[in-house]
């Protein structure tokens, strides 16, 4: 009887540990005891809750910033500062967006903008680009930071061509729905920039700055 009273809850904990190894953090261990095994079960449940919260934070971070940037931030100690990198910067925005927004209801405008940004971001990410930020209707994307490739400039150009293809398909959909079509501008420039975490000690933003970033914006 004593042996069963020890081995059964231990077997329950072992089975729960295997589920955690497989990524299942939802199943709590139901061991209601006031001894050391009960304390161990309580600590195990607290651990799985912490792991589940960590995954939720990772998932949220991956939605707020590009997943590549998220991994870069999670793999290092967060601190202000940067480094010089050779980067290709792509800027894009909607032409006449202010006039377009005045003719649309807010909810309709937001839906249109989200459809547009989803297509453009997909084209950028397919070429290994990182969406640095959305600035209203504008997109700033990086090829070469935080991770670089030998053909980053070519990737940026291929992404721009794919964005044009996606825009043509979106405009076809908009025409069939009786909605106004969208025109965009794209500018690309390559060169040395400063890339890293910038902002304040309380709130950081991984981005790039420098004359070559400004030139890409002016070209667009």
N, C-alpha and C. Protein backbone atom coordinates (compact mmCIF):
# COMPACT_ATOMS: atom_id res chain seq x y z
N UNK A 1 0.84 -1.21 0.00
CA UNK A 1 0.00 0.00 0.00
C UNK A 1 0.87 1.25 0.00
N UNK A 2 1.88 1.24 0.84
CA UNK A 2 2.78 2.41 0.91
C UNK A 2 3.51 2.60 -0.42
N UNK A 3 3.95 1.49 -1.03
CA UNK A 3 4.67 1.57 -2.31
C UNK A 3 3.77 2.15 -3.39
N UNK A 4 2.52 1.66 -3.43
CA UNK A 4 1.59 2.19 -4.44
C UNK A 4 1.32 3.67 -4.21
N UNK A 5 1.25 4.08 -2.94
CA UNK A 5 1.00 5.49 -2.63
C UNK A 5 2.11 6.40 -3.10
N UNK A 6 3.31 5.84 -3.27
CA UNK A 6 4.44 6.63 -3.76
C UNK A 6 4.59 6.51 -5.28
N UNK A 7 4.52 5.28 -5.78
CA UNK A 7 4.80 5.06 -7.20
C UNK A 7 3.72 5.63 -8.12
N UNK A 8 2.47 5.55 -7.73
CA UNK A 8 1.41 6.03 -8.62
C UNK A 8 1.51 7.53 -8.90
N UNK A 9 1.64 8.39 -7.87
CA UNK A 9 1.79 9.81 -8.18
C UNK A 9 3.08 10.13 -8.94
N UNK A 10 4.15 9.35 -8.66
CA UNK A 10 5.40 9.56 -9.40
C UNK A 10 5.20 9.20 -10.86
N UNK A 11 4.50 8.10 -11.12
CA UNK A 11 4.21 7.73 -12.51
C UNK A 11 3.36 8.79 -13.20
N UNK A 12 2.42 9.40 -12.46
CA UNK A 12 1.60 10.49 -13.01
C UNK A 12 2.48 11.67 -13.38
N UNK A 13 3.44 11.99 -12.52
CA UNK A 13 4.37 13.09 -12.81
C UNK A 13 5.25 12.79 -14.01
N UNK A 14 5.71 11.54 -14.11
CA UNK A 14 6.55 11.15 -15.25
C UNK A 14 5.76 11.28 -16.55
N UNK A 15 4.51 10.82 -16.55
CA UNK A 15 3.67 10.93 -17.75
C UNK A 15 3.44 12.39 -18.12
N UNK A 16 3.22 13.24 -17.12
CA UNK A 16 3.02 14.67 -17.38
C UNK A 16 4.29 15.29 -17.93
N UNK A 17 5.45 14.85 -17.43
CA UNK A 17 6.73 15.37 -17.93
C UNK A 17 6.92 15.04 -19.40
N UNK A 18 6.50 13.83 -19.79
CA UNK A 18 6.61 13.45 -21.20
C UNK A 18 5.71 14.33 -22.06
N UNK A 19 4.51 14.67 -21.56
CA UNK A 19 3.63 15.54 -22.33
C UNK A 19 4.24 16.93 -22.49
N UNK A 20 4.90 17.41 -21.45
CA UNK A 20 5.57 18.72 -21.53
C UNK A 20 6.69 18.67 -22.57
N UNK A 21 7.44 17.56 -22.60
CA UNK A 21 8.50 17.41 -23.60
C UNK A 21 7.95 17.49 -25.02
N UNK A 22 6.70 17.07 -25.21
CA UNK A 22 6.06 17.12 -26.52
C UNK A 22 5.39 18.45 -26.80
N UNK A 23 5.49 19.40 -25.84
CA UNK A 23 4.95 20.73 -26.05
C UNK A 23 3.55 20.94 -25.52
N UNK A 24 3.03 19.98 -24.73
CA UNK A 24 1.70 20.12 -24.16
C UNK A 24 1.82 20.67 -22.74
N UNK A 25 1.47 21.95 -22.57
CA UNK A 25 1.56 22.59 -21.25
C UNK A 25 0.18 22.75 -20.60
N UNK A 26 -0.85 22.22 -21.22
CA UNK A 26 -2.22 22.50 -20.77
C UNK A 26 -2.68 21.56 -19.67
N UNK A 27 -2.09 20.38 -19.57
CA UNK A 27 -2.58 19.37 -18.63
C UNK A 27 -1.89 19.51 -17.28
N UNK A 28 -2.64 19.94 -16.28
CA UNK A 28 -2.08 20.06 -14.93
C UNK A 28 -2.08 18.68 -14.26
N UNK A 29 -1.17 18.49 -13.33
CA UNK A 29 -1.08 17.25 -12.58
C UNK A 29 -2.04 17.33 -11.39
N UNK A 30 -3.00 16.40 -11.32
CA UNK A 30 -4.01 16.41 -10.27
C UNK A 30 -3.56 15.50 -9.13
N UNK A 31 -2.70 16.01 -8.28
CA UNK A 31 -2.24 15.27 -7.10
C UNK A 31 -2.49 16.15 -5.88
N UNK A 32 -3.49 15.80 -5.10
CA UNK A 32 -3.89 16.60 -3.95
C UNK A 32 -3.37 15.93 -2.68
N UNK A 33 -2.14 16.25 -2.34
CA UNK A 33 -1.52 15.66 -1.16
C UNK A 33 -0.78 16.74 -0.40
N UNK A 34 -0.65 16.54 0.91
CA UNK A 34 0.01 17.54 1.76
C UNK A 34 1.41 17.10 2.15
N UNK A 35 2.05 16.27 1.30
CA UNK A 35 3.41 15.83 1.61
C UNK A 35 4.37 16.34 0.53
N UNK A 36 5.57 15.80 0.52
CA UNK A 36 6.58 16.27 -0.43
C UNK A 36 6.17 16.02 -1.87
N UNK A 37 5.47 14.90 -2.13
CA UNK A 37 5.02 14.61 -3.49
C UNK A 37 3.98 15.65 -3.93
N UNK A 38 3.12 16.06 -3.01
CA UNK A 38 2.15 17.11 -3.32
C UNK A 38 2.83 18.43 -3.64
N UNK A 39 3.89 18.75 -2.88
CA UNK A 39 4.65 19.97 -3.15
C UNK A 39 5.32 19.89 -4.52
N UNK A 40 5.85 18.70 -4.84
CA UNK A 40 6.48 18.52 -6.15
C UNK A 40 5.47 18.70 -7.27
N UNK A 41 4.25 18.17 -7.08
CA UNK A 41 3.20 18.33 -8.09
C UNK A 41 2.82 19.80 -8.26
N UNK A 42 2.72 20.53 -7.14
CA UNK A 42 2.41 21.95 -7.22
C UNK A 42 3.49 22.73 -7.95
N UNK A 43 4.77 22.40 -7.67
CA UNK A 43 5.88 23.06 -8.36
C UNK A 43 5.88 22.73 -9.84
N UNK A 44 5.54 21.48 -10.17
CA UNK A 44 5.48 21.07 -11.57
C UNK A 44 4.40 21.86 -12.31
N UNK A 45 3.22 22.00 -11.70
CA UNK A 45 2.13 22.76 -12.34
C UNK A 45 2.52 24.22 -12.54
N UNK A 46 3.21 24.80 -11.55
CA UNK A 46 3.66 26.19 -11.69
C UNK A 46 4.67 26.32 -12.82
N UNK A 47 5.53 25.31 -12.96
CA UNK A 47 6.53 25.34 -14.04
C UNK A 47 5.85 25.29 -15.41
N UNK A 48 4.85 24.39 -15.57
CA UNK A 48 4.18 24.30 -16.87
C UNK A 48 3.42 25.58 -17.20
N UNK A 49 2.84 26.23 -16.18
CA UNK A 49 2.18 27.51 -16.42
C UNK A 49 3.19 28.56 -16.90
N UNK A 50 4.39 28.54 -16.31
CA UNK A 50 5.43 29.47 -16.74
C UNK A 50 5.88 29.21 -18.16
N UNK A 51 6.01 27.93 -18.54
CA UNK A 51 6.39 27.59 -19.91
C UNK A 51 5.31 28.01 -20.91
N UNK A 52 4.05 27.82 -20.54
CA UNK A 52 2.96 28.23 -21.41
C UNK A 52 2.96 29.75 -21.59
N UNK A 53 3.22 30.49 -20.50
CA UNK A 53 3.28 31.95 -20.59
C UNK A 53 4.44 32.38 -21.47
N UNK A 54 5.59 31.70 -21.34
CA UNK A 54 6.74 32.02 -22.19
C UNK A 54 6.41 31.85 -23.66
N UNK A 55 5.71 30.76 -24.00
CA UNK A 55 5.34 30.53 -25.40
C UNK A 55 4.36 31.58 -25.90
N UNK A 56 3.43 32.01 -25.03
CA UNK A 56 2.50 33.08 -25.42
C UNK A 56 3.25 34.37 -25.70
N UNK A 57 4.25 34.67 -24.88
CA UNK A 57 5.06 35.88 -25.09
C UNK A 57 5.82 35.78 -26.41
N UNK A 58 6.41 34.60 -26.67
CA UNK A 58 7.14 34.40 -27.93
C UNK A 58 6.20 34.57 -29.13
N UNK A 59 5.00 33.99 -29.01
CA UNK A 59 4.04 34.08 -30.10
C UNK A 59 3.62 35.52 -30.33
N UNK A 60 3.37 36.25 -29.24
CA UNK A 60 2.97 37.65 -29.36
C UNK A 60 4.11 38.49 -29.93
N UNK A 61 5.34 38.24 -29.46
CA UNK A 61 6.49 38.98 -29.96
C UNK A 61 6.68 38.73 -31.45
N UNK A 62 6.43 37.46 -31.88
CA UNK A 62 6.56 37.13 -33.29
C UNK A 62 5.52 37.82 -34.16
N UNK A 63 4.41 38.26 -33.55
CA UNK A 63 3.39 38.99 -34.31
C UNK A 63 3.66 40.50 -34.30
N UNK A 64 4.22 40.99 -33.20
CA UNK A 64 4.48 42.43 -33.09
C UNK A 64 5.68 42.84 -33.92
N UNK A 65 6.73 42.00 -33.93
CA UNK A 65 7.90 42.27 -34.76
C UNK A 65 8.14 41.06 -35.64
N UNK A 66 8.99 41.22 -36.65
CA UNK A 66 9.31 40.11 -37.53
C UNK A 66 9.90 38.95 -36.73
N UNK A 67 9.52 37.69 -37.03
CA UNK A 67 10.04 36.55 -36.28
C UNK A 67 11.56 36.48 -36.24
N UNK A 68 12.22 36.91 -37.32
CA UNK A 68 13.69 36.90 -37.34
C UNK A 68 14.24 37.87 -36.30
N UNK A 69 13.62 39.05 -36.20
CA UNK A 69 14.03 40.03 -35.20
C UNK A 69 13.71 39.51 -33.81
N UNK A 70 12.56 38.86 -33.66
CA UNK A 70 12.17 38.31 -32.36
C UNK A 70 13.21 37.32 -31.86
N UNK A 71 13.66 36.42 -32.75
CA UNK A 71 14.68 35.44 -32.36
C UNK A 71 15.99 36.13 -32.01
N UNK A 72 16.32 37.18 -32.74
CA UNK A 72 17.55 37.93 -32.46
C UNK A 72 17.46 38.56 -31.07
N UNK A 73 16.31 39.12 -30.73
CA UNK A 73 16.14 39.77 -29.44
C UNK A 73 16.17 38.75 -28.30
N UNK A 74 15.55 37.59 -28.53
CA UNK A 74 15.46 36.58 -27.48
C UNK A 74 16.78 35.86 -27.25
N UNK A 75 17.65 35.86 -28.26
CA UNK A 75 18.90 35.10 -28.15
C UNK A 75 20.03 35.89 -27.51
N UNK A 76 19.81 37.19 -27.28
CA UNK A 76 20.87 38.03 -26.74
C UNK A 76 20.36 38.84 -25.56
N UNK A 77 21.30 39.38 -24.78
CA UNK A 77 20.93 40.33 -23.74
C UNK A 77 20.52 41.64 -24.41
N UNK A 78 19.33 42.14 -24.03
CA UNK A 78 18.84 43.37 -24.64
C UNK A 78 19.60 44.56 -24.10
N UNK A 79 20.19 45.33 -24.99
CA UNK A 79 20.89 46.54 -24.59
C UNK A 79 20.90 47.50 -25.77
N UNK A 80 21.01 48.78 -25.43
CA UNK A 80 21.06 49.79 -26.47
C UNK A 80 22.40 49.71 -27.19
N UNK A 81 22.38 50.01 -28.48
CA UNK A 81 23.61 50.00 -29.26
C UNK A 81 23.43 49.31 -30.58
N UNK A 82 24.43 49.47 -31.46
CA UNK A 82 24.32 48.86 -32.78
C UNK A 82 25.67 48.61 -33.40
N UNK A 83 25.63 48.19 -34.66
CA UNK A 83 26.84 47.88 -35.41
C UNK A 83 26.63 48.28 -36.86
N UNK A 84 27.73 48.51 -37.56
CA UNK A 84 27.64 48.83 -38.98
C UNK A 84 27.40 47.56 -39.78
N UNK A 85 26.44 47.61 -40.70
CA UNK A 85 26.14 46.46 -41.55
C UNK A 85 25.83 46.96 -42.95
N UNK A 86 26.12 46.12 -43.92
CA UNK A 86 25.74 46.38 -45.31
C UNK A 86 24.32 45.85 -45.49
N UNK A 87 23.39 46.75 -45.74
CA UNK A 87 21.97 46.39 -45.77
C UNK A 87 21.32 47.00 -47.01
N UNK A 88 20.34 46.29 -47.55
CA UNK A 88 19.47 46.86 -48.58
C UNK A 88 18.15 47.22 -47.92
N UNK A 89 17.75 48.48 -48.09
CA UNK A 89 16.55 48.99 -47.44
C UNK A 89 15.48 49.23 -48.50
N UNK A 90 14.27 48.75 -48.22
CA UNK A 90 13.15 48.93 -49.14
C UNK A 90 12.07 49.74 -48.44
N UNK A 91 11.64 50.81 -49.08
CA UNK A 91 10.51 51.61 -48.61
C UNK A 91 9.38 51.50 -49.64
N UNK A 92 8.16 51.43 -49.14
CA UNK A 92 7.00 51.41 -50.03
C UNK A 92 5.84 52.09 -49.35
N UNK A 93 5.03 52.82 -50.11
CA UNK A 93 3.80 53.36 -49.55
C UNK A 93 2.74 53.53 -50.63
N UNK A 94 1.53 53.82 -50.20
CA UNK A 94 0.39 53.99 -51.11
C UNK A 94 0.35 55.44 -51.56
N UNK A 95 0.23 55.64 -52.85
CA UNK A 95 0.11 56.99 -53.39
C UNK A 95 -1.30 57.52 -53.12
N UNK A 96 -1.38 58.77 -52.69
CA UNK A 96 -2.67 59.40 -52.46
C UNK A 96 -3.47 58.75 -51.35
N UNK A 97 -2.78 58.26 -50.32
CA UNK A 97 -3.49 57.55 -49.25
C UNK A 97 -4.41 58.47 -48.47
N UNK A 98 -4.01 59.73 -48.28
CA UNK A 98 -4.86 60.66 -47.53
C UNK A 98 -6.19 60.86 -48.23
N UNK A 99 -6.16 61.06 -49.56
CA UNK A 99 -7.40 61.23 -50.31
C UNK A 99 -8.23 59.95 -50.28
N UNK A 100 -7.55 58.80 -50.36
CA UNK A 100 -8.25 57.52 -50.31
C UNK A 100 -8.94 57.33 -48.97
N UNK A 101 -8.26 57.70 -47.89
CA UNK A 101 -8.83 57.51 -46.56
C UNK A 101 -10.04 58.40 -46.32
N UNK A 102 -10.08 59.55 -46.97
CA UNK A 102 -11.22 60.45 -46.79
C UNK A 102 -12.49 59.93 -47.45
N UNK A 103 -12.33 58.98 -48.40
CA UNK A 103 -13.49 58.45 -49.11
C UNK A 103 -13.97 57.12 -48.53
N UNK A 104 -13.28 56.61 -47.50
CA UNK A 104 -13.63 55.31 -46.93
C UNK A 104 -14.03 55.45 -45.47
N UNK A 105 -14.93 54.58 -45.04
CA UNK A 105 -15.25 54.51 -43.62
C UNK A 105 -14.05 53.92 -42.89
N UNK A 106 -13.84 54.29 -41.62
CA UNK A 106 -12.64 53.81 -40.90
C UNK A 106 -12.49 52.29 -40.92
N UNK A 107 -13.58 51.55 -40.67
CA UNK A 107 -13.48 50.08 -40.65
C UNK A 107 -13.14 49.54 -42.03
N UNK A 108 -13.73 50.13 -43.07
CA UNK A 108 -13.46 49.70 -44.44
C UNK A 108 -12.03 50.01 -44.83
N UNK A 109 -11.55 51.18 -44.42
CA UNK A 109 -10.18 51.58 -44.72
C UNK A 109 -9.18 50.65 -44.03
N UNK A 110 -9.45 50.31 -42.77
CA UNK A 110 -8.54 49.43 -42.03
C UNK A 110 -8.50 48.05 -42.67
N UNK A 111 -9.65 47.55 -43.11
CA UNK A 111 -9.68 46.25 -43.77
C UNK A 111 -8.87 46.28 -45.06
N UNK A 112 -9.04 47.35 -45.84
CA UNK A 112 -8.29 47.49 -47.09
C UNK A 112 -6.79 47.56 -46.82
N UNK A 113 -6.40 48.33 -45.81
CA UNK A 113 -4.99 48.49 -45.49
C UNK A 113 -4.39 47.17 -45.01
N UNK A 114 -5.13 46.43 -44.21
CA UNK A 114 -4.62 45.14 -43.73
C UNK A 114 -4.47 44.14 -44.87
N UNK A 115 -5.39 44.14 -45.81
CA UNK A 115 -5.27 43.25 -46.97
C UNK A 115 -4.03 43.61 -47.78
N UNK A 116 -3.82 44.89 -47.97
CA UNK A 116 -2.66 45.36 -48.74
C UNK A 116 -1.36 45.00 -48.02
N UNK A 117 -1.26 45.32 -46.72
CA UNK A 117 -0.03 45.08 -45.98
C UNK A 117 0.28 43.59 -45.87
N UNK A 118 -0.75 42.75 -45.76
CA UNK A 118 -0.53 41.31 -45.69
C UNK A 118 0.12 40.81 -46.97
N UNK A 119 -0.40 41.23 -48.11
CA UNK A 119 0.18 40.79 -49.39
C UNK A 119 1.61 41.30 -49.56
N UNK A 120 1.84 42.57 -49.26
CA UNK A 120 3.17 43.13 -49.43
C UNK A 120 4.18 42.47 -48.49
N UNK A 121 3.78 42.24 -47.26
CA UNK A 121 4.68 41.62 -46.29
C UNK A 121 5.03 40.20 -46.68
N UNK A 122 4.05 39.48 -47.21
CA UNK A 122 4.30 38.10 -47.66
C UNK A 122 5.35 38.08 -48.77
N UNK A 123 5.25 39.03 -49.71
CA UNK A 123 6.23 39.10 -50.80
C UNK A 123 7.62 39.41 -50.27
N UNK A 124 7.70 40.29 -49.28
CA UNK A 124 9.00 40.65 -48.70
C UNK A 124 9.61 39.47 -47.95
N UNK A 125 8.81 38.82 -47.13
CA UNK A 125 9.32 37.72 -46.32
C UNK A 125 9.69 36.51 -47.16
N UNK A 126 9.02 36.33 -48.31
CA UNK A 126 9.35 35.20 -49.19
C UNK A 126 10.78 35.30 -49.72
N UNK A 127 11.33 36.51 -49.77
CA UNK A 127 12.70 36.72 -50.23
C UNK A 127 13.68 36.88 -49.07
N UNK A 128 13.24 36.56 -47.87
CA UNK A 128 14.12 36.65 -46.71
C UNK A 128 14.23 38.04 -46.13
N UNK A 129 13.35 38.96 -46.54
CA UNK A 129 13.37 40.30 -45.99
C UNK A 129 12.69 40.37 -44.64
N UNK A 130 13.01 41.40 -43.89
CA UNK A 130 12.44 41.63 -42.57
C UNK A 130 11.65 42.94 -42.61
N UNK A 131 10.37 42.87 -42.26
CA UNK A 131 9.57 44.10 -42.16
C UNK A 131 9.99 44.80 -40.87
N UNK A 132 10.70 45.91 -41.03
CA UNK A 132 11.19 46.65 -39.86
C UNK A 132 10.05 47.34 -39.15
N UNK A 133 9.16 47.99 -39.92
CA UNK A 133 8.02 48.67 -39.30
C UNK A 133 6.99 49.04 -40.35
N UNK A 134 5.77 49.23 -39.89
CA UNK A 134 4.71 49.85 -40.69
C UNK A 134 4.55 51.28 -40.19
N UNK A 135 4.54 52.21 -41.13
CA UNK A 135 4.37 53.62 -40.78
C UNK A 135 3.09 54.08 -41.47
N UNK A 136 1.96 53.85 -40.82
CA UNK A 136 0.69 54.11 -41.49
C UNK A 136 0.53 53.16 -42.66
N UNK A 137 0.47 53.72 -43.87
CA UNK A 137 0.36 52.89 -45.07
C UNK A 137 1.72 52.52 -45.65
N UNK A 138 2.80 52.98 -45.03
CA UNK A 138 4.15 52.74 -45.55
C UNK A 138 4.77 51.51 -44.90
N UNK A 139 5.68 50.89 -45.66
CA UNK A 139 6.43 49.73 -45.17
C UNK A 139 7.91 50.04 -45.27
N UNK A 140 8.65 49.72 -44.22
CA UNK A 140 10.11 49.77 -44.24
C UNK A 140 10.61 48.35 -44.03
N UNK A 141 11.36 47.83 -44.99
CA UNK A 141 11.84 46.45 -44.92
C UNK A 141 13.35 46.41 -45.08
N UNK A 142 13.97 45.40 -44.47
CA UNK A 142 15.42 45.26 -44.47
C UNK A 142 15.83 43.93 -45.09
N UNK A 143 16.89 43.98 -45.86
CA UNK A 143 17.52 42.77 -46.41
C UNK A 143 18.99 42.85 -46.01
N UNK A 144 19.37 42.02 -45.01
CA UNK A 144 20.74 42.06 -44.52
C UNK A 144 20.85 42.33 -43.03
N UNK A 145 19.74 42.55 -42.36
CA UNK A 145 19.73 42.75 -40.90
C UNK A 145 18.41 42.21 -40.35
N UNK A 146 18.45 41.50 -39.23
CA UNK A 146 19.64 41.18 -38.42
C UNK A 146 20.52 40.07 -39.01
N UNK A 147 20.01 39.31 -39.99
CA UNK A 147 20.81 38.28 -40.64
C UNK A 147 21.07 38.67 -42.08
N UNK A 148 22.27 38.41 -42.56
CA UNK A 148 22.64 38.83 -43.91
C UNK A 148 22.83 37.67 -44.87
N UNK A 149 22.67 37.97 -46.16
CA UNK A 149 22.93 37.02 -47.24
C UNK A 149 23.81 37.73 -48.28
N UNK A 150 24.49 36.95 -49.08
CA UNK A 150 25.38 37.53 -50.07
C UNK A 150 24.63 38.26 -51.19
N UNK A 151 23.34 37.92 -51.38
CA UNK A 151 22.56 38.50 -52.47
C UNK A 151 21.40 39.35 -51.95
N UNK A 152 21.63 40.08 -50.87
CA UNK A 152 20.54 40.85 -50.26
C UNK A 152 19.95 41.89 -51.22
N UNK A 153 20.80 42.54 -52.03
CA UNK A 153 20.30 43.55 -52.97
C UNK A 153 19.38 42.91 -54.01
N UNK A 154 19.78 41.75 -54.52
CA UNK A 154 18.94 41.04 -55.50
C UNK A 154 17.64 40.59 -54.86
N UNK A 155 17.71 40.16 -53.62
CA UNK A 155 16.49 39.75 -52.91
C UNK A 155 15.52 40.92 -52.79
N UNK A 156 16.05 42.11 -52.48
CA UNK A 156 15.20 43.29 -52.35
C UNK A 156 14.49 43.60 -53.67
N UNK A 157 15.22 43.48 -54.78
CA UNK A 157 14.64 43.76 -56.10
C UNK A 157 13.58 42.71 -56.44
N UNK A 158 13.87 41.45 -56.16
CA UNK A 158 12.88 40.40 -56.42
C UNK A 158 11.62 40.61 -55.57
N UNK A 159 11.82 41.05 -54.34
CA UNK A 159 10.68 41.32 -53.47
C UNK A 159 9.83 42.46 -54.04
N UNK A 160 10.49 43.50 -54.54
CA UNK A 160 9.76 44.63 -55.12
C UNK A 160 8.94 44.19 -56.33
N UNK A 161 9.52 43.33 -57.19
CA UNK A 161 8.79 42.82 -58.35
C UNK A 161 7.60 41.98 -57.91
N UNK A 162 7.80 41.15 -56.86
CA UNK A 162 6.71 40.34 -56.35
C UNK A 162 5.62 41.21 -55.74
N UNK A 163 6.01 42.32 -55.10
CA UNK A 163 5.02 43.25 -54.54
C UNK A 163 4.16 43.84 -55.65
N UNK A 164 4.79 44.13 -56.79
CA UNK A 164 4.02 44.64 -57.93
C UNK A 164 3.02 43.62 -58.43
N UNK A 165 3.42 42.35 -58.46
CA UNK A 165 2.52 41.28 -58.88
C UNK A 165 1.35 41.14 -57.89
N UNK A 166 1.67 41.17 -56.60
CA UNK A 166 0.63 41.07 -55.58
C UNK A 166 -0.34 42.25 -55.65
N UNK A 167 0.20 43.43 -55.94
CA UNK A 167 -0.65 44.61 -56.05
C UNK A 167 -1.62 44.49 -57.22
N UNK A 168 -1.15 43.94 -58.34
CA UNK A 168 -2.02 43.76 -59.50
C UNK A 168 -3.17 42.81 -59.17
N UNK A 169 -2.86 41.74 -58.43
CA UNK A 169 -3.91 40.80 -58.04
C UNK A 169 -4.89 41.44 -57.06
N UNK A 170 -4.37 42.23 -56.12
CA UNK A 170 -5.24 42.90 -55.17
C UNK A 170 -6.15 43.90 -55.87
N UNK A 171 -5.60 44.65 -56.82
CA UNK A 171 -6.40 45.63 -57.55
C UNK A 171 -7.50 44.96 -58.37
N UNK A 172 -7.23 43.75 -58.89
CA UNK A 172 -8.27 43.01 -59.60
C UNK A 172 -9.42 42.68 -58.65
N UNK A 173 -9.07 42.25 -57.44
CA UNK A 173 -10.10 41.96 -56.44
C UNK A 173 -10.89 43.22 -56.08
N UNK A 174 -10.18 44.33 -55.93
CA UNK A 174 -10.84 45.58 -55.55
C UNK A 174 -11.80 46.05 -56.64
N UNK A 175 -11.39 45.89 -57.91
CA UNK A 175 -12.26 46.29 -59.02
C UNK A 175 -13.55 45.48 -59.00
N UNK A 176 -13.42 44.17 -58.78
CA UNK A 176 -14.61 43.31 -58.79
C UNK A 176 -15.54 43.63 -57.62
N UNK A 177 -14.99 44.23 -56.56
CA UNK A 177 -15.80 44.59 -55.39
C UNK A 177 -16.28 46.04 -55.44
N UNK A 178 -15.96 46.73 -56.52
CA UNK A 178 -16.37 48.12 -56.64
C UNK A 178 -15.60 49.08 -55.75
N UNK A 179 -14.39 48.70 -55.36
CA UNK A 179 -13.57 49.52 -54.48
C UNK A 179 -12.46 50.20 -55.28
N UNK A 180 -11.95 51.34 -54.79
CA UNK A 180 -10.89 52.04 -55.53
C UNK A 180 -9.60 51.24 -55.57
N UNK A 181 -8.90 51.32 -56.69
CA UNK A 181 -7.62 50.62 -56.82
C UNK A 181 -6.52 51.40 -56.10
N UNK A 182 -5.40 50.72 -55.89
CA UNK A 182 -4.29 51.28 -55.13
C UNK A 182 -3.09 51.44 -56.06
N UNK A 183 -2.41 52.57 -55.93
CA UNK A 183 -1.12 52.79 -56.61
C UNK A 183 -0.05 52.95 -55.53
N UNK A 184 1.13 52.41 -55.79
CA UNK A 184 2.19 52.47 -54.79
C UNK A 184 3.50 52.96 -55.39
N UNK A 185 4.41 53.32 -54.51
CA UNK A 185 5.78 53.63 -54.90
C UNK A 185 6.72 52.77 -54.09
N UNK A 186 7.83 52.36 -54.70
CA UNK A 186 8.84 51.54 -54.01
C UNK A 186 10.21 52.13 -54.28
N UNK A 187 11.01 52.24 -53.22
CA UNK A 187 12.39 52.70 -53.35
C UNK A 187 13.33 51.75 -52.65
N UNK A 188 14.47 51.46 -53.28
CA UNK A 188 15.46 50.54 -52.71
C UNK A 188 16.83 51.19 -52.76
N UNK A 189 17.58 51.05 -51.68
CA UNK A 189 18.96 51.51 -51.67
C UNK A 189 19.79 50.57 -50.81
N UNK A 190 21.04 50.36 -51.20
CA UNK A 190 21.94 49.48 -50.45
C UNK A 190 23.15 50.27 -49.98
N UNK A 191 23.63 49.95 -48.79
CA UNK A 191 24.81 50.62 -48.28
C UNK A 191 25.01 50.36 -46.81
N UNK A 192 26.03 50.98 -46.23
CA UNK A 192 26.32 50.82 -44.80
C UNK A 192 25.31 51.59 -43.96
N UNK A 193 24.83 50.93 -42.92
CA UNK A 193 23.92 51.56 -41.97
C UNK A 193 24.34 51.14 -40.57
N UNK A 194 23.76 51.78 -39.58
CA UNK A 194 23.93 51.33 -38.20
C UNK A 194 22.68 50.56 -37.83
N UNK A 195 22.84 49.27 -37.48
CA UNK A 195 21.72 48.39 -37.14
C UNK A 195 21.84 47.96 -35.69
N UNK A 196 20.73 48.01 -34.97
CA UNK A 196 20.76 47.57 -33.58
C UNK A 196 19.54 48.03 -32.82
N UNK A 197 19.62 47.89 -31.50
CA UNK A 197 18.52 48.25 -30.61
C UNK A 197 18.62 49.73 -30.27
N UNK A 198 17.57 50.47 -30.59
CA UNK A 198 17.55 51.91 -30.35
C UNK A 198 16.27 52.30 -29.62
N UNK A 199 16.34 53.37 -28.88
CA UNK A 199 15.19 53.83 -28.12
C UNK A 199 15.61 54.23 -26.73
N UNK A 200 14.90 53.71 -25.72
CA UNK A 200 15.22 53.99 -24.33
C UNK A 200 15.48 52.67 -23.61
N UNK A 201 15.94 52.77 -22.36
CA UNK A 201 16.22 51.55 -21.61
C UNK A 201 14.94 50.80 -21.28
N UNK A 202 13.78 51.46 -21.37
CA UNK A 202 12.50 50.82 -21.07
C UNK A 202 11.82 50.25 -22.31
N UNK A 203 12.10 50.83 -23.47
CA UNK A 203 11.43 50.39 -24.70
C UNK A 203 12.42 50.44 -25.85
N UNK A 204 12.71 49.27 -26.44
CA UNK A 204 13.69 49.18 -27.50
C UNK A 204 13.02 48.88 -28.83
N UNK A 205 13.68 49.27 -29.90
CA UNK A 205 13.21 48.97 -31.24
C UNK A 205 14.43 48.59 -32.08
N UNK A 206 14.41 47.36 -32.64
CA UNK A 206 15.49 46.96 -33.53
C UNK A 206 15.24 47.60 -34.89
N UNK A 207 16.19 48.43 -35.36
CA UNK A 207 16.01 49.12 -36.62
C UNK A 207 17.36 49.51 -37.19
N UNK A 208 17.35 50.22 -38.30
CA UNK A 208 18.58 50.73 -38.90
C UNK A 208 18.45 52.22 -39.12
N UNK A 209 19.56 52.93 -39.04
CA UNK A 209 19.57 54.37 -39.28
C UNK A 209 20.81 54.73 -40.10
N UNK A 210 20.77 55.90 -40.71
CA UNK A 210 21.92 56.38 -41.48
C UNK A 210 21.50 57.01 -42.79
N UNK A 211 22.45 57.62 -43.47
CA UNK A 211 22.17 58.31 -44.73
C UNK A 211 21.59 57.37 -45.77
N UNK A 212 22.05 56.13 -45.81
CA UNK A 212 21.55 55.20 -46.81
C UNK A 212 20.08 54.82 -46.59
N UNK A 213 19.64 54.87 -45.33
CA UNK A 213 18.22 54.67 -45.04
C UNK A 213 17.42 55.86 -45.57
N UNK A 214 17.91 57.06 -45.31
CA UNK A 214 17.23 58.27 -45.78
C UNK A 214 17.16 58.31 -47.30
N UNK A 215 18.22 57.85 -47.95
CA UNK A 215 18.23 57.85 -49.43
C UNK A 215 17.18 56.89 -49.98
N UNK A 216 17.03 55.73 -49.35
CA UNK A 216 16.00 54.78 -49.80
C UNK A 216 14.62 55.41 -49.69
N UNK A 217 14.38 56.16 -48.61
CA UNK A 217 13.09 56.83 -48.44
C UNK A 217 12.88 57.90 -49.50
N UNK A 218 13.94 58.66 -49.82
CA UNK A 218 13.82 59.72 -50.84
C UNK A 218 13.59 59.11 -52.22
N UNK A 219 14.23 57.97 -52.53
CA UNK A 219 14.03 57.31 -53.82
C UNK A 219 12.56 56.88 -53.95
N UNK A 220 12.01 56.34 -52.87
CA UNK A 220 10.61 55.91 -52.89
C UNK A 220 9.68 57.10 -53.15
